N, C-alpha and C. Protein backbone atom coordinates (compact mmCIF):
# COMPACT_ATOMS: atom_id res chain seq x y z
N MET A 1 84.98 -89.97 -74.32
CA MET A 1 86.01 -90.88 -73.85
C MET A 1 86.32 -90.51 -72.41
N ASN A 2 86.37 -91.53 -71.54
CA ASN A 2 86.68 -91.18 -70.17
C ASN A 2 87.77 -92.05 -69.52
N ARG A 3 88.16 -93.16 -70.12
CA ARG A 3 89.21 -93.99 -69.54
C ARG A 3 90.10 -94.57 -70.63
N VAL A 4 91.36 -94.14 -70.62
CA VAL A 4 92.33 -94.61 -71.59
C VAL A 4 93.29 -95.56 -70.89
N LEU A 5 93.56 -96.68 -71.53
CA LEU A 5 94.57 -97.61 -71.04
C LEU A 5 95.85 -97.33 -71.81
N LEU A 6 96.90 -96.91 -71.11
CA LEU A 6 98.19 -96.61 -71.72
C LEU A 6 99.14 -97.76 -71.40
N ILE A 7 99.58 -98.47 -72.44
CA ILE A 7 100.52 -99.58 -72.27
C ILE A 7 101.85 -99.13 -72.85
N ASP A 8 102.77 -98.79 -71.97
CA ASP A 8 104.05 -98.22 -72.41
C ASP A 8 105.08 -98.41 -71.30
N ALA A 9 106.23 -98.96 -71.63
CA ALA A 9 107.29 -99.16 -70.64
C ALA A 9 108.09 -97.88 -70.38
N ASP A 10 107.90 -96.86 -71.21
CA ASP A 10 108.60 -95.59 -71.04
C ASP A 10 107.86 -94.76 -69.99
N ARG A 11 108.32 -94.85 -68.77
CA ARG A 11 107.61 -94.19 -67.66
C ARG A 11 107.57 -92.67 -67.81
N ALA A 12 108.62 -92.08 -68.33
CA ALA A 12 108.64 -90.62 -68.50
C ALA A 12 107.57 -90.19 -69.51
N ALA A 13 107.48 -90.89 -70.62
CA ALA A 13 106.46 -90.57 -71.62
C ALA A 13 105.06 -90.81 -71.05
N GLY A 14 104.91 -91.90 -70.31
CA GLY A 14 103.61 -92.19 -69.69
C GLY A 14 103.19 -91.13 -68.70
N GLN A 15 104.14 -90.70 -67.87
CA GLN A 15 103.83 -89.67 -66.89
C GLN A 15 103.45 -88.36 -67.57
N ALA A 16 104.17 -88.01 -68.63
CA ALA A 16 103.84 -86.78 -69.37
C ALA A 16 102.44 -86.88 -69.96
N PHE A 17 102.08 -88.06 -70.48
CA PHE A 17 100.75 -88.24 -71.06
C PHE A 17 99.68 -88.11 -69.98
N VAL A 18 99.90 -88.77 -68.84
CA VAL A 18 98.93 -88.70 -67.73
C VAL A 18 98.75 -87.26 -67.29
N LEU A 19 99.83 -86.53 -67.12
CA LEU A 19 99.72 -85.13 -66.71
C LEU A 19 98.99 -84.30 -67.74
N GLY A 20 99.21 -84.60 -69.02
CA GLY A 20 98.52 -83.88 -70.08
C GLY A 20 97.02 -84.14 -70.13
N CYS A 21 96.59 -85.25 -69.54
CA CYS A 21 95.17 -85.60 -69.53
C CYS A 21 94.42 -84.95 -68.37
N LEU A 22 95.15 -84.43 -67.39
CA LEU A 22 94.49 -83.77 -66.26
C LEU A 22 93.65 -82.61 -66.78
N GLY A 23 92.46 -82.49 -66.30
CA GLY A 23 91.58 -81.41 -66.71
C GLY A 23 90.84 -81.67 -68.01
N ARG A 24 91.04 -82.82 -68.62
CA ARG A 24 90.36 -83.15 -69.88
C ARG A 24 89.27 -84.20 -69.67
N GLU A 25 88.95 -84.49 -68.42
CA GLU A 25 87.96 -85.52 -68.08
C GLU A 25 88.34 -86.87 -68.66
N VAL A 26 89.64 -87.16 -68.68
CA VAL A 26 90.15 -88.43 -69.17
C VAL A 26 90.99 -89.06 -68.07
N ALA A 27 90.56 -90.22 -67.60
CA ALA A 27 91.35 -90.97 -66.63
C ALA A 27 92.29 -91.88 -67.40
N VAL A 28 93.48 -92.05 -66.89
CA VAL A 28 94.46 -92.89 -67.57
C VAL A 28 94.91 -94.00 -66.63
N GLN A 29 94.79 -95.21 -67.09
CA GLN A 29 95.33 -96.38 -66.39
C GLN A 29 96.60 -96.77 -67.11
N THR A 30 97.71 -96.87 -66.39
CA THR A 30 98.97 -97.19 -67.04
C THR A 30 99.37 -98.64 -66.77
N ALA A 31 100.06 -99.22 -67.74
CA ALA A 31 100.59 -100.58 -67.63
C ALA A 31 101.95 -100.59 -68.31
N ASP A 32 102.89 -101.31 -67.71
CA ASP A 32 104.24 -101.39 -68.27
C ASP A 32 104.38 -102.49 -69.31
N THR A 33 103.47 -103.47 -69.29
CA THR A 33 103.55 -104.61 -70.21
C THR A 33 102.18 -104.88 -70.82
N LEU A 34 102.18 -105.61 -71.92
CA LEU A 34 100.90 -105.99 -72.54
C LEU A 34 100.09 -106.88 -71.61
N CYS A 35 100.74 -107.80 -70.93
CA CYS A 35 100.02 -108.70 -70.01
C CYS A 35 99.31 -107.90 -68.92
N GLU A 36 100.02 -106.93 -68.36
CA GLU A 36 99.43 -106.09 -67.33
C GLU A 36 98.27 -105.28 -67.92
N GLY A 37 98.44 -104.77 -69.13
CA GLY A 37 97.38 -104.01 -69.78
C GLY A 37 96.14 -104.85 -70.06
N VAL A 38 96.35 -106.08 -70.50
CA VAL A 38 95.22 -106.98 -70.75
C VAL A 38 94.47 -107.24 -69.44
N ARG A 39 95.22 -107.44 -68.36
CA ARG A 39 94.58 -107.68 -67.06
C ARG A 39 93.73 -106.48 -66.65
N TYR A 40 94.26 -105.25 -66.84
CA TYR A 40 93.49 -104.05 -66.51
C TYR A 40 92.24 -103.95 -67.38
N ALA A 41 92.37 -104.25 -68.66
CA ALA A 41 91.21 -104.16 -69.57
C ALA A 41 90.14 -105.17 -69.20
N LEU A 42 90.54 -106.31 -68.66
CA LEU A 42 89.56 -107.31 -68.23
C LEU A 42 88.88 -106.91 -66.93
N GLU A 43 89.55 -106.12 -66.10
CA GLU A 43 89.00 -105.72 -64.80
C GLU A 43 87.98 -104.60 -64.91
N ALA A 44 88.19 -103.68 -65.86
CA ALA A 44 87.29 -102.54 -66.00
C ALA A 44 87.27 -102.10 -67.46
N PRO A 45 86.13 -101.65 -67.94
CA PRO A 45 86.04 -101.23 -69.34
C PRO A 45 86.92 -100.01 -69.62
N VAL A 46 87.45 -99.96 -70.83
CA VAL A 46 88.25 -98.82 -71.26
C VAL A 46 87.62 -98.21 -72.50
N SER A 47 87.82 -96.91 -72.64
CA SER A 47 87.28 -96.20 -73.80
C SER A 47 88.21 -96.29 -75.00
N ALA A 48 89.52 -96.42 -74.72
CA ALA A 48 90.52 -96.51 -75.77
C ALA A 48 91.79 -97.11 -75.18
N ILE A 49 92.61 -97.67 -76.07
CA ILE A 49 93.89 -98.24 -75.67
C ILE A 49 94.98 -97.56 -76.49
N LEU A 50 96.03 -97.15 -75.82
CA LEU A 50 97.20 -96.56 -76.45
C LEU A 50 98.37 -97.47 -76.10
N VAL A 51 99.01 -98.07 -77.11
CA VAL A 51 100.05 -99.07 -76.85
C VAL A 51 101.30 -98.79 -77.66
N ASP A 52 102.45 -98.93 -77.00
CA ASP A 52 103.75 -98.78 -77.65
C ASP A 52 103.99 -99.98 -78.56
N ALA A 53 104.27 -99.73 -79.81
CA ALA A 53 104.48 -100.82 -80.78
C ALA A 53 105.64 -101.72 -80.37
N GLY A 54 106.61 -101.19 -79.65
CA GLY A 54 107.75 -101.98 -79.22
C GLY A 54 107.39 -103.08 -78.23
N LEU A 55 106.22 -102.99 -77.63
CA LEU A 55 105.77 -104.01 -76.68
C LEU A 55 104.96 -105.11 -77.34
N ILE A 56 104.60 -104.91 -78.60
CA ILE A 56 103.78 -105.90 -79.30
C ILE A 56 104.69 -106.96 -79.90
N HIS A 57 104.51 -108.19 -79.43
CA HIS A 57 105.33 -109.30 -79.91
C HIS A 57 104.54 -110.28 -80.77
N LEU A 58 103.24 -110.09 -80.84
CA LEU A 58 102.40 -110.90 -81.72
C LEU A 58 102.31 -110.20 -83.08
N SER A 59 101.81 -110.90 -84.06
CA SER A 59 101.55 -110.24 -85.33
C SER A 59 100.44 -109.20 -85.10
N PRO A 60 100.36 -108.18 -85.94
CA PRO A 60 99.28 -107.20 -85.77
C PRO A 60 97.90 -107.85 -85.78
N VAL A 61 97.70 -108.86 -86.61
CA VAL A 61 96.41 -109.53 -86.69
C VAL A 61 96.10 -110.25 -85.37
N ALA A 62 97.07 -110.99 -84.85
CA ALA A 62 96.87 -111.71 -83.58
C ALA A 62 96.66 -110.73 -82.44
N GLN A 63 97.40 -109.62 -82.44
CA GLN A 63 97.22 -108.63 -81.39
C GLN A 63 95.85 -107.99 -81.47
N ALA A 64 95.37 -107.75 -82.69
CA ALA A 64 94.02 -107.19 -82.86
C ALA A 64 92.98 -108.12 -82.26
N GLU A 65 93.16 -109.40 -82.46
CA GLU A 65 92.21 -110.37 -81.90
C GLU A 65 92.22 -110.35 -80.38
N VAL A 66 93.40 -110.22 -79.79
CA VAL A 66 93.50 -110.14 -78.32
C VAL A 66 92.77 -108.90 -77.82
N PHE A 67 93.04 -107.75 -78.42
CA PHE A 67 92.38 -106.52 -77.97
C PHE A 67 90.87 -106.60 -78.16
N ASP A 68 90.41 -107.23 -79.23
CA ASP A 68 88.97 -107.37 -79.44
C ASP A 68 88.32 -108.26 -78.39
N MET A 69 89.07 -109.22 -77.88
CA MET A 69 88.52 -110.09 -76.83
C MET A 69 88.44 -109.37 -75.49
N VAL A 70 89.44 -108.54 -75.16
CA VAL A 70 89.47 -107.93 -73.83
C VAL A 70 88.83 -106.54 -73.78
N ALA A 71 88.74 -105.87 -74.92
CA ALA A 71 88.15 -104.52 -74.96
C ALA A 71 87.37 -104.35 -76.25
N PRO A 72 86.28 -105.11 -76.42
CA PRO A 72 85.53 -105.04 -77.66
C PRO A 72 85.03 -103.62 -77.96
N GLY A 73 85.29 -103.19 -79.19
CA GLY A 73 84.82 -101.88 -79.62
C GLY A 73 85.70 -100.71 -79.24
N ALA A 74 86.67 -100.92 -78.35
CA ALA A 74 87.54 -99.81 -77.95
C ALA A 74 88.58 -99.57 -79.04
N PRO A 75 88.71 -98.34 -79.49
CA PRO A 75 89.75 -98.06 -80.49
C PRO A 75 91.14 -98.27 -79.88
N VAL A 76 92.05 -98.79 -80.68
CA VAL A 76 93.42 -99.02 -80.23
C VAL A 76 94.35 -98.20 -81.11
N VAL A 77 95.19 -97.41 -80.44
CA VAL A 77 96.18 -96.60 -81.13
C VAL A 77 97.55 -97.19 -80.85
N VAL A 78 98.27 -97.52 -81.89
CA VAL A 78 99.63 -98.04 -81.77
C VAL A 78 100.58 -96.86 -81.95
N VAL A 79 101.51 -96.72 -81.01
CA VAL A 79 102.46 -95.62 -81.04
C VAL A 79 103.81 -96.12 -81.57
N LEU A 80 104.27 -95.48 -82.62
CA LEU A 80 105.55 -95.84 -83.25
C LEU A 80 106.56 -94.71 -83.05
N SER A 81 107.83 -95.05 -83.19
CA SER A 81 108.86 -94.01 -83.12
C SER A 81 108.74 -93.16 -84.38
N PRO A 82 109.15 -91.90 -84.30
CA PRO A 82 109.00 -91.01 -85.46
C PRO A 82 109.76 -91.48 -86.70
N ASN A 83 110.79 -92.28 -86.53
CA ASN A 83 111.56 -92.73 -87.69
C ASN A 83 111.19 -94.15 -88.14
N SER A 84 110.04 -94.63 -87.70
CA SER A 84 109.58 -95.96 -88.15
C SER A 84 109.28 -95.94 -89.64
N PRO A 85 109.61 -97.02 -90.32
CA PRO A 85 109.32 -97.07 -91.76
C PRO A 85 107.81 -97.07 -92.03
N ILE A 86 107.44 -96.55 -93.16
CA ILE A 86 106.02 -96.47 -93.53
C ILE A 86 105.38 -97.85 -93.56
N GLU A 87 106.17 -98.87 -93.90
CA GLU A 87 105.63 -100.24 -93.95
C GLU A 87 105.09 -100.67 -92.58
N GLU A 88 105.75 -100.23 -91.51
CA GLU A 88 105.28 -100.58 -90.18
C GLU A 88 103.95 -99.90 -89.88
N HIS A 89 103.82 -98.65 -90.28
CA HIS A 89 102.55 -97.93 -90.12
C HIS A 89 101.44 -98.69 -90.85
N VAL A 90 101.71 -99.05 -92.09
CA VAL A 90 100.71 -99.72 -92.92
C VAL A 90 100.33 -101.08 -92.34
N ARG A 91 101.32 -101.82 -91.84
CA ARG A 91 101.07 -103.14 -91.26
C ARG A 91 100.05 -103.05 -90.13
N PHE A 92 100.20 -102.07 -89.25
CA PHE A 92 99.25 -101.90 -88.14
C PHE A 92 97.92 -101.36 -88.62
N GLU A 93 97.93 -100.43 -89.57
CA GLU A 93 96.68 -99.88 -90.09
C GLU A 93 95.84 -100.95 -90.79
N LEU A 94 96.50 -101.85 -91.52
CA LEU A 94 95.76 -102.93 -92.20
C LEU A 94 95.07 -103.86 -91.20
N ALA A 95 95.64 -103.97 -90.01
CA ALA A 95 95.02 -104.81 -88.97
C ALA A 95 93.92 -104.06 -88.22
N GLY A 96 93.67 -102.80 -88.59
CA GLY A 96 92.58 -102.04 -88.00
C GLY A 96 92.97 -101.12 -86.87
N PHE A 97 94.27 -100.98 -86.60
CA PHE A 97 94.72 -100.07 -85.56
C PHE A 97 94.84 -98.65 -86.11
N ARG A 98 94.73 -97.69 -85.23
CA ARG A 98 95.08 -96.32 -85.58
C ARG A 98 96.54 -96.17 -85.19
N VAL A 99 97.28 -95.35 -85.90
CA VAL A 99 98.72 -95.25 -85.68
C VAL A 99 99.10 -93.78 -85.45
N MET A 100 99.95 -93.58 -84.44
CA MET A 100 100.49 -92.25 -84.16
C MET A 100 101.99 -92.39 -83.89
N SER A 101 102.72 -91.31 -84.10
CA SER A 101 104.15 -91.28 -83.80
C SER A 101 104.39 -90.59 -82.47
N ARG A 102 105.48 -91.00 -81.81
CA ARG A 102 105.87 -90.35 -80.56
C ARG A 102 106.33 -88.94 -80.83
N PRO A 103 106.20 -88.04 -79.92
CA PRO A 103 105.46 -88.14 -78.66
C PRO A 103 103.96 -87.92 -78.91
N VAL A 104 103.14 -88.60 -78.13
CA VAL A 104 101.69 -88.47 -78.28
C VAL A 104 101.18 -87.46 -77.27
N GLU A 105 100.58 -86.42 -77.78
CA GLU A 105 99.96 -85.40 -76.93
C GLU A 105 98.49 -85.79 -76.73
N PRO A 106 97.96 -85.62 -75.52
CA PRO A 106 96.56 -85.97 -75.27
C PRO A 106 95.59 -85.32 -76.26
N ALA A 107 95.81 -84.05 -76.59
CA ALA A 107 94.91 -83.37 -77.54
C ALA A 107 94.95 -84.04 -78.91
N ASP A 108 96.14 -84.46 -79.34
CA ASP A 108 96.27 -85.15 -80.63
C ASP A 108 95.57 -86.50 -80.60
N LEU A 109 95.71 -87.21 -79.48
CA LEU A 109 95.04 -88.51 -79.36
C LEU A 109 93.53 -88.33 -79.40
N LEU A 110 93.02 -87.38 -78.65
CA LEU A 110 91.57 -87.16 -78.63
C LEU A 110 91.08 -86.77 -80.02
N ALA A 111 91.84 -85.94 -80.72
CA ALA A 111 91.45 -85.55 -82.08
C ALA A 111 91.45 -86.76 -83.00
N LYS A 112 92.45 -87.62 -82.87
CA LYS A 112 92.55 -88.82 -83.72
C LYS A 112 91.37 -89.75 -83.48
N LEU A 113 90.96 -89.86 -82.22
CA LEU A 113 89.87 -90.78 -81.88
C LEU A 113 88.49 -90.20 -82.15
N GLU A 114 88.40 -88.88 -82.22
CA GLU A 114 87.08 -88.26 -82.37
C GLU A 114 86.89 -87.58 -83.71
N VAL A 115 87.76 -87.80 -84.66
CA VAL A 115 87.64 -87.17 -85.97
C VAL A 115 86.28 -87.52 -86.54
N ALA A 116 85.49 -86.50 -86.70
CA ALA A 116 84.13 -86.65 -87.23
C ALA A 116 83.34 -87.72 -86.49
N GLU A 117 83.76 -88.01 -85.24
CA GLU A 117 83.11 -89.03 -84.42
C GLU A 117 82.93 -90.33 -85.19
N ALA A 118 83.91 -90.64 -86.01
CA ALA A 118 83.87 -91.87 -86.81
C ALA A 118 84.12 -93.07 -85.90
N PRO A 119 83.46 -94.18 -86.18
CA PRO A 119 83.71 -95.37 -85.37
C PRO A 119 85.12 -95.90 -85.62
N ALA A 120 85.63 -96.62 -84.65
CA ALA A 120 86.96 -97.24 -84.79
C ALA A 120 86.92 -98.25 -85.92
N PRO A 121 88.03 -98.41 -86.64
CA PRO A 121 88.05 -99.43 -87.69
C PRO A 121 87.76 -100.81 -87.09
N ALA A 122 87.10 -101.64 -87.84
CA ALA A 122 86.79 -102.98 -87.36
C ALA A 122 88.06 -103.83 -87.45
N ARG A 123 88.66 -104.10 -86.30
CA ARG A 123 89.92 -104.82 -86.31
C ARG A 123 89.76 -106.25 -86.81
N LEU A 124 88.73 -106.95 -86.38
CA LEU A 124 88.60 -108.34 -86.82
C LEU A 124 88.29 -108.42 -88.30
N GLY A 125 87.50 -107.49 -88.80
CA GLY A 125 87.24 -107.48 -90.23
C GLY A 125 88.52 -107.21 -91.00
N ALA A 126 89.32 -106.28 -90.48
CA ALA A 126 90.60 -105.99 -91.11
C ALA A 126 91.52 -107.19 -90.99
N ALA A 127 91.48 -107.87 -89.86
CA ALA A 127 92.33 -109.04 -89.66
C ALA A 127 91.99 -110.12 -90.69
N ALA A 128 90.72 -110.31 -90.94
CA ALA A 128 90.31 -111.31 -91.93
C ALA A 128 90.80 -110.91 -93.33
N ARG A 129 90.75 -109.61 -93.64
CA ARG A 129 91.23 -109.13 -94.94
C ARG A 129 92.74 -109.38 -95.07
N VAL A 130 93.49 -109.12 -94.00
CA VAL A 130 94.94 -109.34 -94.05
C VAL A 130 95.24 -110.81 -94.25
N ARG A 131 94.52 -111.69 -93.54
CA ARG A 131 94.72 -113.13 -93.71
C ARG A 131 94.44 -113.55 -95.15
N ALA A 132 93.37 -112.99 -95.72
CA ALA A 132 93.02 -113.34 -97.10
C ALA A 132 94.10 -112.88 -98.08
N LEU A 133 94.65 -111.70 -97.82
CA LEU A 133 95.69 -111.17 -98.71
C LEU A 133 97.02 -111.89 -98.55
N CYS A 134 97.33 -112.25 -97.32
CA CYS A 134 98.65 -112.82 -97.03
C CYS A 134 98.67 -114.34 -96.96
N GLY A 135 97.52 -114.93 -97.03
CA GLY A 135 97.46 -116.40 -97.02
C GLY A 135 97.54 -116.97 -95.72
């Protein structure tokens, strides 16, 4: 992994994440909004996307489709607050996202993305399963 797109309006958390990536051969592109993040993903390929769940205003399935269009194959990690209900974690996981709680440490993110070098979950396949289950 060499380029992570961080979409987070919390500048302090973003800055801490960027500083934590120094020396790990990971470049971080930051965006304050989803629209800005989508624009960056369209301009240059990204290895992974890290996005604050609070910025997602689409359904998880619709958001998965957007990310698949702008960054096909890139794993997407949704960051939730530590006190988020388990249902919110499950909702994003069913759509094919990986989920982490704040604060996200670069080493934890890299471990989550490289566990046994497993491929990222297929978001569109998961999206189709959610549609089938939910009607």
